[in-house]
Amino acid sequence: MRSVLEPRYDDVVLLVSELLTNSVRHSVSGGIDVTIKASEAKVRVEVTDDGPGFTPHEPRGDGWGLAIVEKVADRWGMKEGDKFTVWAEISKNPA
């Protein structure tokens, strides 16, 4: 797996860690799905749970997780539906 994600392996691990930690903290049932997709150009991480979700950039005061995600990821966002998903993308080759 490491060779597929190089040269951004450590950044991807950090994104997964921060997104997963947020889901563990905010999930209602503890059911969490993690998806990692790697293409030639980028890696996309999605973490889905049944927590209440949040408003982006709303001051929460309960950690650095999303600030780190915003700093490391090239793009990130969320999807609401039956469950709540936070996703982040990172290019494999840093600019």
PDB file of N, CA and C in Angstrom:
ATOM      1  N   MET A   1       0.816  -1.191   0.000  1.00  0.00           N
ATOM      2  CA  MET A   1       0.000   0.000   0.000  1.00  0.00           C
ATOM      3  C   MET A   1       0.862   1.257   0.000  1.00  0.00           C
ATOM      4  N   ARG A   2       1.955   1.236   0.731  1.00  0.00           N
ATOM      5  CA  ARG A   2       2.806   2.425   0.811  1.00  0.00           C
ATOM      6  C   ARG A   2       3.292   2.859  -0.569  1.00  0.00           C
ATOM      7  N   SER A   3       3.716   1.917  -1.401  1.00  0.00           N
ATOM      8  CA  SER A   3       4.246   2.274  -2.720  1.00  0.00           C
ATOM      9  C   SER A   3       3.180   2.884  -3.619  1.00  0.00           C
ATOM     10  N   VAL A   4       1.921   2.499  -3.441  1.00  0.00           N
ATOM     11  CA  VAL A   4       0.831   3.056  -4.239  1.00  0.00           C
ATOM     12  C   VAL A   4       0.595   4.518  -3.875  1.00  0.00           C
ATOM     13  N   LEU A   5       0.841   4.875  -2.624  1.00  0.00           N
ATOM     14  CA  LEU A   5       0.537   6.220  -2.144  1.00  0.00           C
ATOM     15  C   LEU A   5       1.731   7.159  -2.115  1.00  0.00           C
ATOM     16  N   GLU A   6       2.927   6.656  -2.407  1.00  0.00           N
ATOM     17  CA  GLU A   6       4.112   7.520  -2.404  1.00  0.00           C
ATOM     18  C   GLU A   6       3.972   8.576  -3.480  1.00  0.00           C
ATOM     19  N   PRO A   7       4.505   9.746  -3.319  1.00  0.00           N
ATOM     20  CA  PRO A   7       5.350  10.212  -2.231  1.00  0.00           C
ATOM     21  C   PRO A   7       4.570  10.873  -1.097  1.00  0.00           C
ATOM     22  N   ARG A   8       3.253  10.741  -1.057  1.00  0.00           N
ATOM     23  CA  ARG A   8       2.421  11.444  -0.072  1.00  0.00           C
ATOM     24  C   ARG A   8       1.864  10.512   1.000  1.00  0.00           C
ATOM     25  N   TYR A   9       2.502   9.371   1.200  1.00  0.00           N
ATOM     26  CA  TYR A   9       2.013   8.365   2.138  1.00  0.00           C
ATOM     27  C   TYR A   9       1.738   8.947   3.529  1.00  0.00           C
ATOM     28  N   ASP A  10       2.686   9.666   4.097  1.00  0.00           N
ATOM     29  CA  ASP A  10       2.513  10.207   5.452  1.00  0.00           C
ATOM     30  C   ASP A  10       1.347  11.195   5.516  1.00  0.00           C
ATOM     31  N   ASP A  11       1.156  11.991   4.472  1.00  0.00           N
ATOM     32  CA  ASP A  11       0.025  12.923   4.436  1.00  0.00           C
ATOM     33  C   ASP A  11      -1.303  12.179   4.380  1.00  0.00           C
ATOM     34  N   VAL A  12      -1.358  11.105   3.600  1.00  0.00           N
ATOM     35  CA  VAL A  12      -2.581  10.304   3.509  1.00  0.00           C
ATOM     36  C   VAL A  12      -2.883   9.664   4.864  1.00  0.00           C
ATOM     37  N   VAL A  13      -1.873   9.128   5.516  1.00  0.00           N
ATOM     38  CA  VAL A  13      -2.062   8.521   6.842  1.00  0.00           C
ATOM     39  C   VAL A  13      -2.597   9.572   7.818  1.00  0.00           C
ATOM     40  N   LEU A  14      -2.073  10.782   7.772  1.00  0.00           N
ATOM     41  CA  LEU A  14      -2.542  11.857   8.643  1.00  0.00           C
ATOM     42  C   LEU A  14      -4.002  12.193   8.357  1.00  0.00           C
ATOM     43  N   LEU A  15      -4.378  12.285   7.083  1.00  0.00           N
ATOM     44  CA  LEU A  15      -5.771  12.566   6.731  1.00  0.00           C
ATOM     45  C   LEU A  15      -6.700  11.479   7.263  1.00  0.00           C
ATOM     46  N   VAL A  16      -6.329  10.221   7.038  1.00  0.00           N
ATOM     47  CA  VAL A  16      -7.163   9.110   7.519  1.00  0.00           C
ATOM     48  C   VAL A  16      -7.304   9.193   9.033  1.00  0.00           C
ATOM     49  N   SER A  17      -6.203   9.421   9.728  1.00  0.00           N
ATOM     50  CA  SER A  17      -6.217   9.496  11.186  1.00  0.00           C
ATOM     51  C   SER A  17      -7.140  10.606  11.684  1.00  0.00           C
ATOM     52  N   GLU A  18      -7.028  11.787  11.120  1.00  0.00           N
ATOM     53  CA  GLU A  18      -7.843  12.914  11.584  1.00  0.00           C
ATOM     54  C   GLU A  18      -9.318  12.722  11.269  1.00  0.00           C
ATOM     55  N   LEU A  19      -9.632  12.250  10.065  1.00  0.00           N
ATOM     56  CA  LEU A  19     -11.037  12.037   9.708  1.00  0.00           C
ATOM     57  C   LEU A  19     -11.653  10.904  10.524  1.00  0.00           C
ATOM     58  N   LEU A  20     -10.910   9.847  10.725  1.00  0.00           N
ATOM     59  CA  LEU A  20     -11.405   8.718  11.508  1.00  0.00           C
ATOM     60  C   LEU A  20     -11.589   9.113  12.976  1.00  0.00           C
ATOM     61  N   THR A  21     -10.663   9.858  13.530  1.00  0.00           N
ATOM     62  CA  THR A  21     -10.797  10.314  14.918  1.00  0.00           C
ATOM     63  C   THR A  21     -12.061  11.141  15.096  1.00  0.00           C
ATOM     64  N   ASN A  22     -12.341  12.037  14.144  1.00  0.00           N
ATOM     65  CA  ASN A  22     -13.577  12.828  14.226  1.00  0.00           C
ATOM     66  C   ASN A  22     -14.810  11.937  14.196  1.00  0.00           C
ATOM     67  N   SER A  23     -14.809  10.925  13.338  1.00  0.00           N
ATOM     68  CA  SER A  23     -15.957  10.024  13.269  1.00  0.00           C
ATOM     69  C   SER A  23     -16.137   9.235  14.558  1.00  0.00           C
ATOM     70  N   VAL A  24     -15.044   8.768  15.119  1.00  0.00           N
ATOM     71  CA  VAL A  24     -15.134   8.024  16.386  1.00  0.00           C
ATOM     72  C   VAL A  24     -15.734   8.923  17.471  1.00  0.00           C
ATOM     73  N   ARG A  25     -15.335  10.172  17.487  1.00  0.00           N
ATOM     74  CA  ARG A  25     -15.832  11.106  18.509  1.00  0.00           C
ATOM     75  C   ARG A  25     -17.296  11.479  18.308  1.00  0.00           C
ATOM     76  N   HIS A  26     -17.762  11.528  17.059  1.00  0.00           N
ATOM     77  CA  HIS A  26     -19.084  12.086  16.795  1.00  0.00           C
ATOM     78  C   HIS A  26     -20.117  11.085  16.282  1.00  0.00           C
ATOM     79  N   SER A  27     -19.716   9.863  16.002  1.00  0.00           N
ATOM     80  CA  SER A  27     -20.667   8.860  15.542  1.00  0.00           C
ATOM     81  C   SER A  27     -21.652   8.512  16.659  1.00  0.00           C
ATOM     82  N   VAL A  28     -22.887   8.246  16.280  1.00  0.00           N
ATOM     83  CA  VAL A  28     -23.908   7.876  17.261  1.00  0.00           C
ATOM     84  C   VAL A  28     -23.788   6.401  17.617  1.00  0.00           C
ATOM     85  N   SER A  29     -23.716   5.530  16.630  1.00  0.00           N
ATOM     86  CA  SER A  29     -23.723   4.081  16.869  1.00  0.00           C
ATOM     87  C   SER A  29     -22.327   3.469  16.893  1.00  0.00           C
ATOM     88  N   GLY A  30     -21.341   4.206  16.416  1.00  0.00           N
ATOM     89  CA  GLY A  30     -19.991   3.644  16.310  1.00  0.00           C
ATOM     90  C   GLY A  30     -19.730   2.985  14.970  1.00  0.00           C
ATOM     91  N   GLY A  31     -20.745   2.910  14.110  1.00  0.00           N
ATOM     92  CA  GLY A  31     -20.564   2.344  12.773  1.00  0.00           C
ATOM     93  C   GLY A  31     -19.907   3.357  11.857  1.00  0.00           C
ATOM     94  N   ILE A  32     -18.715   3.037  11.382  1.00  0.00           N
ATOM     95  CA  ILE A  32     -17.939   3.969  10.555  1.00  0.00           C
ATOM     96  C   ILE A  32     -17.426   3.224   9.332  1.00  0.00           C
ATOM     97  N   ASP A  33     -17.539   3.857   8.170  1.00  0.00           N
ATOM     98  CA  ASP A  33     -17.003   3.301   6.924  1.00  0.00           C
ATOM     99  C   ASP A  33     -15.862   4.194   6.443  1.00  0.00           C
ATOM    100  N   VAL A  34     -14.757   3.563   6.049  1.00  0.00           N
ATOM    101  CA  VAL A  34     -13.607   4.286   5.516  1.00  0.00           C
ATOM    102  C   VAL A  34     -13.331   3.764   4.113  1.00  0.00           C
ATOM    103  N   THR A  35     -13.209   4.668   3.153  1.00  0.00           N
ATOM    104  CA  THR A  35     -12.883   4.314   1.780  1.00  0.00           C
ATOM    105  C   THR A  35     -11.660   5.110   1.352  1.00  0.00           C
ATOM    106  N   ILE A  36     -10.689   4.419   0.774  1.00  0.00           N
ATOM    107  CA  ILE A  36      -9.505   5.078   0.230  1.00  0.00           C
ATOM    108  C   ILE A  36      -9.373   4.647  -1.222  1.00  0.00           C
ATOM    109  N   LYS A  37      -9.366   5.621  -2.128  1.00  0.00           N
ATOM    110  CA  LYS A  37      -9.239   5.342  -3.558  1.00  0.00           C
ATOM    111  C   LYS A  37      -8.003   6.058  -4.083  1.00  0.00           C
ATOM    112  N   ALA A  38      -7.158   5.316  -4.760  1.00  0.00           N
ATOM    113  CA  ALA A  38      -5.940   5.897  -5.327  1.00  0.00           C
ATOM    114  C   ALA A  38      -5.981   5.782  -6.840  1.00  0.00           C
ATOM    115  N   SER A  39      -5.716   6.878  -7.521  1.00  0.00           N
ATOM    116  CA  SER A  39      -5.570   6.884  -8.975  1.00  0.00           C
ATOM    117  C   SER A  39      -4.138   7.290  -9.282  1.00  0.00           C
ATOM    118  N   GLU A  40      -3.839   7.458 -10.541  1.00  0.00           N
ATOM    119  CA  GLU A  40      -2.499   7.898 -10.924  1.00  0.00           C
ATOM    120  C   GLU A  40      -2.190   9.284 -10.369  1.00  0.00           C
ATOM    121  N   ALA A  41      -3.220  10.135 -10.266  1.00  0.00           N
ATOM    122  CA  ALA A  41      -2.994  11.533  -9.907  1.00  0.00           C
ATOM    123  C   ALA A  41      -3.281  11.875  -8.449  1.00  0.00           C
ATOM    124  N   LYS A  42      -4.211  11.151  -7.810  1.00  0.00           N
ATOM    125  CA  LYS A  42      -4.617  11.583  -6.478  1.00  0.00           C
ATOM    126  C   LYS A  42      -5.063  10.410  -5.619  1.00  0.00           C
ATOM    127  N   VAL A  43      -5.219  10.727  -4.330  1.00  0.00           N
ATOM    128  CA  VAL A  43      -5.787   9.788  -3.367  1.00  0.00           C
ATOM    129  C   VAL A  43      -6.994  10.483  -2.749  1.00  0.00           C
ATOM    130  N   ARG A  44      -8.098   9.753  -2.654  1.00  0.00           N
ATOM    131  CA  ARG A  44      -9.317  10.279  -2.033  1.00  0.00           C
ATOM    132  C   ARG A  44      -9.651   9.421  -0.822  1.00  0.00           C
ATOM    133  N   VAL A  45      -9.872  10.079   0.299  1.00  0.00           N
ATOM    134  CA  VAL A  45     -10.248   9.411   1.540  1.00  0.00           C
ATOM    135  C   VAL A  45     -11.658   9.863   1.884  1.00  0.00           C
ATOM    136  N   GLU A  46     -12.539   8.897   2.170  1.00  0.00           N
ATOM    137  CA  GLU A  46     -13.895   9.215   2.617  1.00  0.00           C
ATOM    138  C   GLU A  46     -14.160   8.481   3.920  1.00  0.00           C
ATOM    139  N   VAL A  47     -14.707   9.194   4.898  1.00  0.00           N
ATOM    140  CA  VAL A  47     -15.077   8.585   6.164  1.00  0.00           C
ATOM    141  C   VAL A  47     -16.544   8.926   6.415  1.00  0.00           C
ATOM    142  N   THR A  48     -17.354   7.883   6.614  1.00  0.00           N
ATOM    143  CA  THR A  48     -18.795   8.040   6.754  1.00  0.00           C
ATOM    144  C   THR A  48     -19.244   7.505   8.108  1.00  0.00           C
ATOM    145  N   ASP A  49     -20.131   8.261   8.768  1.00  0.00           N
ATOM    146  CA  ASP A  49     -20.702   7.800  10.032  1.00  0.00           C
ATOM    147  C   ASP A  49     -22.139   8.305  10.146  1.00  0.00           C
ATOM    148  N   ASP A  50     -22.790   7.958  11.243  1.00  0.00           N
ATOM    149  CA  ASP A  50     -24.173   8.375  11.447  1.00  0.00           C
ATOM    150  C   ASP A  50     -24.277   9.516  12.454  1.00  0.00           C
ATOM    151  N   GLY A  51     -23.201  10.279  12.586  1.00  0.00           N
ATOM    152  CA  GLY A  51     -23.202  11.422  13.498  1.00  0.00           C
ATOM    153  C   GLY A  51     -24.025  12.578  12.953  1.00  0.00           C
ATOM    154  N   PRO A  52     -24.139  13.642  13.734  1.00  0.00           N
ATOM    155  CA  PRO A  52     -25.013  14.761  13.377  1.00  0.00           C
ATOM    156  C   PRO A  52     -24.472  15.686  12.289  1.00  0.00           C
ATOM    157  N   GLY A  53     -23.221  15.530  11.909  1.00  0.00           N
ATOM    158  CA  GLY A  53     -22.638  16.422  10.910  1.00  0.00           C
ATOM    159  C   GLY A  53     -22.256  17.747  11.543  1.00  0.00           C
ATOM    160  N   PHE A  54     -21.882  18.698  10.710  1.00  0.00           N
ATOM    161  CA  PHE A  54     -21.428  19.991  11.198  1.00  0.00           C
ATOM    162  C   PHE A  54     -21.487  20.996  10.066  1.00  0.00           C
ATOM    163  N   THR A  55     -21.330  22.245  10.412  1.00  0.00           N
ATOM    164  CA  THR A  55     -21.233  23.314   9.427  1.00  0.00           C
ATOM    165  C   THR A  55     -19.759  23.633   9.244  1.00  0.00           C
ATOM    166  N   PRO A  56     -19.244  23.577   8.019  1.00  0.00           N
ATOM    167  CA  PRO A  56     -17.820  23.866   7.815  1.00  0.00           C
ATOM    168  C   PRO A  56     -17.454  25.262   8.316  1.00  0.00           C
ATOM    169  N   HIS A  57     -16.265  25.353   8.844  1.00  0.00           N
ATOM    170  CA  HIS A  57     -15.690  26.616   9.308  1.00  0.00           C
ATOM    171  C   HIS A  57     -16.455  27.212  10.490  1.00  0.00           C
ATOM    172  N   GLU A  58     -17.332  26.421  11.099  1.00  0.00           N
ATOM    173  CA  GLU A  58     -18.013  26.861  12.313  1.00  0.00           C
ATOM    174  C   GLU A  58     -17.059  26.659  13.485  1.00  0.00           C
ATOM    175  N   PRO A  59     -16.827  27.668  14.301  1.00  0.00           N
ATOM    176  CA  PRO A  59     -15.909  27.468  15.425  1.00  0.00           C
ATOM    177  C   PRO A  59     -16.455  26.412  16.370  1.00  0.00           C
ATOM    178  N   ARG A  60     -15.690  25.344  16.571  1.00  0.00           N
ATOM    179  CA  ARG A  60     -16.154  24.251  17.414  1.00  0.00           C
ATOM    180  C   ARG A  60     -15.346  24.153  18.698  1.00  0.00           C
ATOM    181  N   GLY A  61     -14.090  24.545  18.649  1.00  0.00           N
ATOM    182  CA  GLY A  61     -13.282  24.575  19.850  1.00  0.00           C
ATOM    183  C   GLY A  61     -12.979  23.225  20.465  1.00  0.00           C
ATOM    184  N   ASP A  62     -13.161  22.159  19.702  1.00  0.00           N
ATOM    185  CA  ASP A  62     -12.950  20.843  20.306  1.00  0.00           C
ATOM    186  C   ASP A  62     -11.835  20.044  19.645  1.00  0.00           C
ATOM    187  N   GLY A  63     -10.921  20.688  18.974  1.00  0.00           N
ATOM    188  CA  GLY A  63      -9.798  19.954  18.401  1.00  0.00           C
ATOM    189  C   GLY A  63      -9.249  20.621  17.153  1.00  0.00           C
ATOM    190  N   TRP A  64      -8.166  20.026  16.659  1.00  0.00           N
ATOM    191  CA  TRP A  64      -7.476  20.548  15.485  1.00  0.00           C
ATOM    192  C   TRP A  64      -7.739  19.738  14.230  1.00  0.00           C
ATOM    193  N   GLY A  65      -8.519  18.672  14.317  1.00  0.00           N
ATOM    194  CA  GLY A  65      -8.686  17.723  13.222  1.00  0.00           C
ATOM    195  C   GLY A  65      -8.948  18.334  11.861  1.00  0.00           C
ATOM    196  N   LEU A  66      -9.999  19.124  11.741  1.00  0.00           N
ATOM    197  CA  LEU A  66     -10.341  19.672  10.427  1.00  0.00           C
ATOM    198  C   LEU A  66      -9.388  20.776   9.993  1.00  0.00           C
ATOM    199  N   ALA A  67      -8.783  21.463  10.923  1.00  0.00           N
ATOM    200  CA  ALA A  67      -7.763  22.446  10.550  1.00  0.00           C
ATOM    201  C   ALA A  67      -6.568  21.740   9.917  1.00  0.00           C
ATOM    202  N   ILE A  68      -6.212  20.582  10.455  1.00  0.00           N
ATOM    203  CA  ILE A  68      -5.118  19.792   9.876  1.00  0.00           C
ATOM    204  C   ILE A  68      -5.527  19.271   8.503  1.00  0.00           C
ATOM    205  N   VAL A  69      -6.753  18.766   8.385  1.00  0.00           N
ATOM    206  CA  VAL A  69      -7.244  18.272   7.093  1.00  0.00           C
ATOM    207  C   VAL A  69      -7.190  19.388   6.063  1.00  0.00           C
ATOM    208  N   GLU A  70      -7.650  20.572   6.432  1.00  0.00           N
ATOM    209  CA  GLU A  70      -7.642  21.707   5.497  1.00  0.00           C
ATOM    210  C   GLU A  70      -6.228  22.080   5.065  1.00  0.00           C
ATOM    211  N   LYS A  71      -5.278  21.964   5.963  1.00  0.00           N
ATOM    212  CA  LYS A  71      -3.883  22.308   5.659  1.00  0.00           C
ATOM    213  C   LYS A  71      -3.216  21.272   4.748  1.00  0.00           C
ATOM    214  N   VAL A  72      -3.494  19.983   4.981  1.00  0.00           N
ATOM    215  CA  VAL A  72      -2.810  18.901   4.268  1.00  0.00           C
ATOM    216  C   VAL A  72      -3.491  18.566   2.936  1.00  0.00           C
ATOM    217  N   ALA A  73      -4.810  18.570   2.920  1.00  0.00           N
ATOM    218  CA  ALA A  73      -5.555  18.162   1.722  1.00  0.00           C
ATOM    219  C   ALA A  73      -5.527  19.258   0.655  1.00  0.00           C
ATOM    220  N   ASP A  74      -5.588  18.828  -0.591  1.00  0.00           N
ATOM    221  CA  ASP A  74      -5.736  19.775  -1.692  1.00  0.00           C
ATOM    222  C   ASP A  74      -7.176  20.259  -1.788  1.00  0.00           C
ATOM    223  N   ARG A  75      -8.087  19.356  -1.479  1.00  0.00           N
ATOM    224  CA  ARG A  75      -9.524  19.672  -1.468  1.00  0.00           C
ATOM    225  C   ARG A  75     -10.172  18.815  -0.395  1.00  0.00           C
ATOM    226  N   TRP A  76     -11.210  19.304   0.228  1.00  0.00           N
ATOM    227  CA  TRP A  76     -11.984  18.489   1.152  1.00  0.00           C
ATOM    228  C   TRP A  76     -13.396  19.039   1.210  1.00  0.00           C
ATOM    229  N   GLY A  77     -14.294  18.219   1.689  1.00  0.00           N
ATOM    230  CA  GLY A  77     -15.680  18.641   1.790  1.00  0.00           C
ATOM    231  C   GLY A  77     -16.493  17.586   2.508  1.00  0.00           C
ATOM    232  N   MET A  78     -17.801  17.712   2.376  1.00  0.00           N
ATOM    233  CA  MET A  78     -18.685  16.765   3.042  1.00  0.00           C
ATOM    234  C   MET A  78     -19.920  16.511   2.198  1.00  0.00           C
ATOM    235  N   LYS A  79     -20.552  15.369   2.492  1.00  0.00           N
ATOM    236  CA  LYS A  79     -21.789  14.981   1.827  1.00  0.00           C
ATOM    237  C   LYS A  79     -22.766  14.568   2.919  1.00  0.00           C
ATOM    238  N   GLU A  80     -23.969  15.109   2.856  1.00  0.00           N
ATOM    239  CA  GLU A  80     -24.995  14.727   3.813  1.00  0.00           C
ATOM    240  C   GLU A  80     -26.025  13.864   3.108  1.00  0.00           C
ATOM    241  N   GLY A  81     -26.585  12.934   3.834  1.00  0.00           N
ATOM    242  CA  GLY A  81     -27.609  12.034   3.335  1.00  0.00           C
ATOM    243  C   GLY A  81     -28.110  11.240   4.521  1.00  0.00           C
ATOM    244  N   ASP A  82     -28.367   9.946   4.319  1.00  0.00           N
ATOM    245  CA  ASP A  82     -28.749   9.094   5.443  1.00  0.00           C
ATOM    246  C   ASP A  82     -27.638   9.070   6.486  1.00  0.00           C
ATOM    247  N   LYS A  83     -26.414   9.191   6.003  1.00  0.00           N
ATOM    248  CA  LYS A  83     -25.244   9.261   6.861  1.00  0.00           C
ATOM    249  C   LYS A  83     -24.444  10.489   6.471  1.00  0.00           C
ATOM    250  N   PHE A  84     -23.402  10.768   7.214  1.00  0.00           N
ATOM    251  CA  PHE A  84     -22.602  11.969   6.994  1.00  0.00           C
ATOM    252  C   PHE A  84     -21.196  11.552   6.569  1.00  0.00           C
ATOM    253  N   THR A  85     -20.710  12.090   5.462  1.00  0.00           N
ATOM    254  CA  THR A  85     -19.391  11.754   4.930  1.00  0.00           C
ATOM    255  C   THR A  85     -18.517  12.997   4.855  1.00  0.00           C
ATOM    256  N   VAL A  86     -17.302  12.862   5.341  1.00  0.00           N
ATOM    257  CA  VAL A  86     -16.280  13.889   5.128  1.00  0.00           C
ATOM    258  C   VAL A  86     -15.233  13.264   4.221  1.00  0.00           C
ATOM    259  N   TRP A  87     -14.852  13.971   3.170  1.00  0.00           N
ATOM    260  CA  TRP A  87     -13.878  13.453   2.214  1.00  0.00           C
ATOM    261  C   TRP A  87     -12.721  14.448   2.080  1.00  0.00           C
ATOM    262  N   ALA A  88     -11.599  13.907   1.649  1.00  0.00           N
ATOM    263  CA  ALA A  88     -10.418  14.740   1.387  1.00  0.00           C
ATOM    264  C   ALA A  88      -9.649  14.125   0.237  1.00  0.00           C
ATOM    265  N   GLU A  89      -9.098  14.999  -0.595  1.00  0.00           N
ATOM    266  CA  GLU A  89      -8.268  14.558  -1.722  1.00  0.00           C
ATOM    267  C   GLU A  89      -6.893  15.181  -1.622  1.00  0.00           C
ATOM    268  N   ILE A  90      -5.929  14.410  -2.045  1.00  0.00           N
ATOM    269  CA  ILE A  90      -4.553  14.881  -2.029  1.00  0.00           C
ATOM    270  C   ILE A  90      -3.880  14.415  -3.304  1.00  0.00           C
ATOM    271  N   SER A  91      -3.184  15.339  -3.998  1.00  0.00           N
ATOM    272  CA  SER A  91      -2.469  14.922  -5.194  1.00  0.00           C
ATOM    273  C   SER A  91      -1.276  14.076  -4.806  1.00  0.00           C
ATOM    274  N   LYS A  92      -0.975  13.115  -5.652  1.00  0.00           N
ATOM    275  CA  LYS A  92       0.155  12.237  -5.359  1.00  0.00           C
ATOM    276  C   LYS A  92       1.482  12.970  -5.504  1.00  0.00           C
ATOM    277  N   ASN A  93       1.533  13.930  -6.369  1.00  0.00           N
ATOM    278  CA  ASN A  93       2.783  14.676  -6.578  1.00  0.00           C
ATOM    279  C   ASN A  93       2.579  16.101  -6.098  1.00  0.00           C
ATOM    280  N   PRO A  94       3.201  16.465  -4.979  1.00  0.00           N
ATOM    281  CA  PRO A  94       3.007  17.812  -4.471  1.00  0.00           C
ATOM    282  C   PRO A  94       3.547  18.868  -5.440  1.00  0.00           C
ATOM    283  N   ALA A  95       2.856  19.991  -5.452  1.00  0.00           N
ATOM    284  CA  ALA A  95       3.269  21.076  -6.358  1.00  0.00           C
ATOM    285  C   ALA A  95       4.464  21.805  -5.816  1.00  0.00           C
TER     286      ALA A  95
END
